[in-house]
C-alpha atoms as a PDB file:
ATOM      1  CA  MET A   1       0.000   0.000   0.000  1.00  0.00           C
ATOM      2  CA  ASN A   2       1.251   3.472  -0.840  1.00  0.00           C
ATOM      3  CA  TYR A   3       0.899   5.222   2.535  1.00  0.00           C
ATOM      4  CA  ALA A   4       2.512   8.417   1.263  1.00  0.00           C
ATOM      5  CA  ALA A   5      -0.057   8.767  -1.524  1.00  0.00           C
ATOM      6  CA  HIS A   6      -2.933   8.253   0.915  1.00  0.00           C
ATOM      7  CA  TYR A   7      -1.485  10.830   3.297  1.00  0.00           C
ATOM      8  CA  GLU A   8      -0.984  13.356   0.496  1.00  0.00           C
ATOM      9  CA  ARG A   9      -4.561  12.917  -0.761  1.00  0.00           C
ATOM     10  CA  LEU A  10      -5.928  13.386   2.751  1.00  0.00           C
ATOM     11  CA  ILE A  11      -3.914  16.571   3.250  1.00  0.00           C
ATOM     12  CA  GLU A  12      -4.727  18.004  -0.191  1.00  0.00           C
ATOM     13  CA  ARG A  13      -8.442  17.506   0.412  1.00  0.00           C
ATOM     14  CA  ALA A  14      -8.121  19.247   3.794  1.00  0.00           C
ATOM     15  CA  ARG A  15      -6.290  22.235   2.312  1.00  0.00           C
ATOM     16  CA  HIS A  16      -9.111  23.039  -0.103  1.00  0.00           C
ATOM     17  CA  ARG A  17     -12.151  22.986   2.155  1.00  0.00           C
ATOM     18  CA  VAL A  18     -13.660  24.662   5.162  1.00  0.00           C
ATOM     19  CA  LEU A  19     -14.891  22.427   7.971  1.00  0.00           C
ATOM     20  CA  VAL A  20     -17.944  23.437   9.955  1.00  0.00           C
ATOM     21  CA  GLY A  21     -18.300  22.175  13.488  1.00  0.00           C
ATOM     22  CA  TYR A  22     -15.717  20.298  15.513  1.00  0.00           C
ATOM     23  CA  LYS A  23     -12.300  20.023  13.894  1.00  0.00           C
ATOM     24  CA  GLU A  24      -8.766  19.274  14.968  1.00  0.00           C
ATOM     25  CA  ARG A  25      -5.518  20.951  13.962  1.00  0.00           C
ATOM     26  CA  HIS A  26      -2.910  18.677  12.407  1.00  0.00           C
ATOM     27  CA  HIS A  27       0.757  19.521  11.878  1.00  0.00           C
ATOM     28  CA  LEU A  28       1.770  18.505   8.348  1.00  0.00           C
ATOM     29  CA  ARG A  29       5.358  18.135   9.457  1.00  0.00           C
ATOM     30  CA  PRO A  30       5.084  16.882  13.030  1.00  0.00           C
ATOM     31  CA  ARG A  31       6.771  18.930  15.722  1.00  0.00           C
ATOM     32  CA  CYS A  32       8.839  15.894  16.719  1.00  0.00           C
ATOM     33  CA  MET A  33      10.272  16.010  13.182  1.00  0.00           C
ATOM     34  CA  GLY A  34      11.059  19.727  13.216  1.00  0.00           C
ATOM     35  CA  GLY A  35       7.679  21.144  12.190  1.00  0.00           C
ATOM     36  CA  GLY A  36       6.406  24.348  13.720  1.00  0.00           C
ATOM     37  CA  ASP A  37       3.106  26.066  14.406  1.00  0.00           C
ATOM     38  CA  GLU A  38       3.165  28.194  11.237  1.00  0.00           C
ATOM     39  CA  SER A  39      -0.155  28.340   9.369  1.00  0.00           C
ATOM     40  CA  GLU A  40       1.475  26.672   6.340  1.00  0.00           C
ATOM     41  CA  ASN A  41       2.186  23.626   8.523  1.00  0.00           C
ATOM     42  CA  ILE A  42      -1.367  23.256   9.895  1.00  0.00           C
ATOM     43  CA  VAL A  43      -4.528  21.810   8.357  1.00  0.00           C
ATOM     44  CA  GLU A  44      -7.922  21.232   9.912  1.00  0.00           C
ATOM     45  CA  LEU A  45      -9.160  17.649   9.951  1.00  0.00           C
ATOM     46  CA  THR A  46     -12.146  15.785  11.307  1.00  0.00           C
ATOM     47  CA  PRO A  47     -11.286  13.615  14.333  1.00  0.00           C
ATOM     48  CA  GLU A  48     -11.438  10.490  12.135  1.00  0.00           C
ATOM     49  CA  GLU A  49      -9.142  12.039   9.522  1.00  0.00           C
ATOM     50  CA  HIS A  50      -6.745  13.200  12.226  1.00  0.00           C
ATOM     51  CA  HIS A  51      -6.512   9.689  13.640  1.00  0.00           C
ATOM     52  CA  LEU A  52      -5.946   8.283  10.138  1.00  0.00           C
ATOM     53  CA  ALA A  53      -3.257  10.899   9.416  1.00  0.00           C
ATOM     54  CA  HIS A  54      -1.328   9.805  12.497  1.00  0.00           C
ATOM     55  CA  GLN A  55      -1.695   6.136  11.627  1.00  0.00           C
ATOM     56  CA  LEU A  56      -0.314   6.869   8.162  1.00  0.00           C
ATOM     57  CA  LEU A  57       2.600   8.856   9.608  1.00  0.00           C
ATOM     58  CA  VAL A  58       3.510   5.879  11.802  1.00  0.00           C
ATOM     59  CA  LYS A  59       3.519   3.656   8.707  1.00  0.00           C
ATOM     60  CA  LEU A  60       5.692   6.177   6.851  1.00  0.00           C
ATOM     61  CA  HIS A  61       8.141   6.620   9.759  1.00  0.00           C
ATOM     62  CA  PRO A  62       8.054   3.352  11.713  1.00  0.00           C
ATOM     63  CA  ARG A  63      11.208   4.106  13.718  1.00  0.00           C
ATOM     64  CA  ASN A  64       9.898   7.384  15.124  1.00  0.00           C
ATOM     65  CA  ALA A  65       8.762   6.511  18.652  1.00  0.00           C
ATOM     66  CA  LYS A  66       7.176   9.921  19.243  1.00  0.00           C
ATOM     67  CA  LEU A  67       4.875   9.492  16.244  1.00  0.00           C
ATOM     68  CA  ALA A  68       3.879   6.059  17.511  1.00  0.00           C
ATOM     69  CA  GLN A  69       3.222   7.461  20.971  1.00  0.00           C
ATOM     70  CA  ALA A  70       1.010  10.228  19.552  1.00  0.00           C
ATOM     71  CA  ALA A  71      -1.000   7.682  17.563  1.00  0.00           C
ATOM     72  CA  VAL A  72      -1.492   5.527  20.663  1.00  0.00           C
ATOM     73  CA  LEU A  73      -2.611   8.511  22.736  1.00  0.00           C
ATOM     74  CA  MET A  74      -5.233   9.344  20.101  1.00  0.00           C
ATOM     75  CA  SER A  75      -6.765   5.869  20.345  1.00  0.00           C
END
């Protein structure tokens, strides 16, 4: 499975829409990988999308323990 392609599609869809109601902020480049809080590094996702994004990041970076920990804490 191409996890990177799935992640990119999820993020592209999020960039071009406005969510109404509850939403969560997601860092495109995680802070544990050097990402910051700049608006260019943040997208709004539904809770389900946010969980999926973190699961995909763990698949893309399996040796990053902080990403794995974040995914577990979201469960």
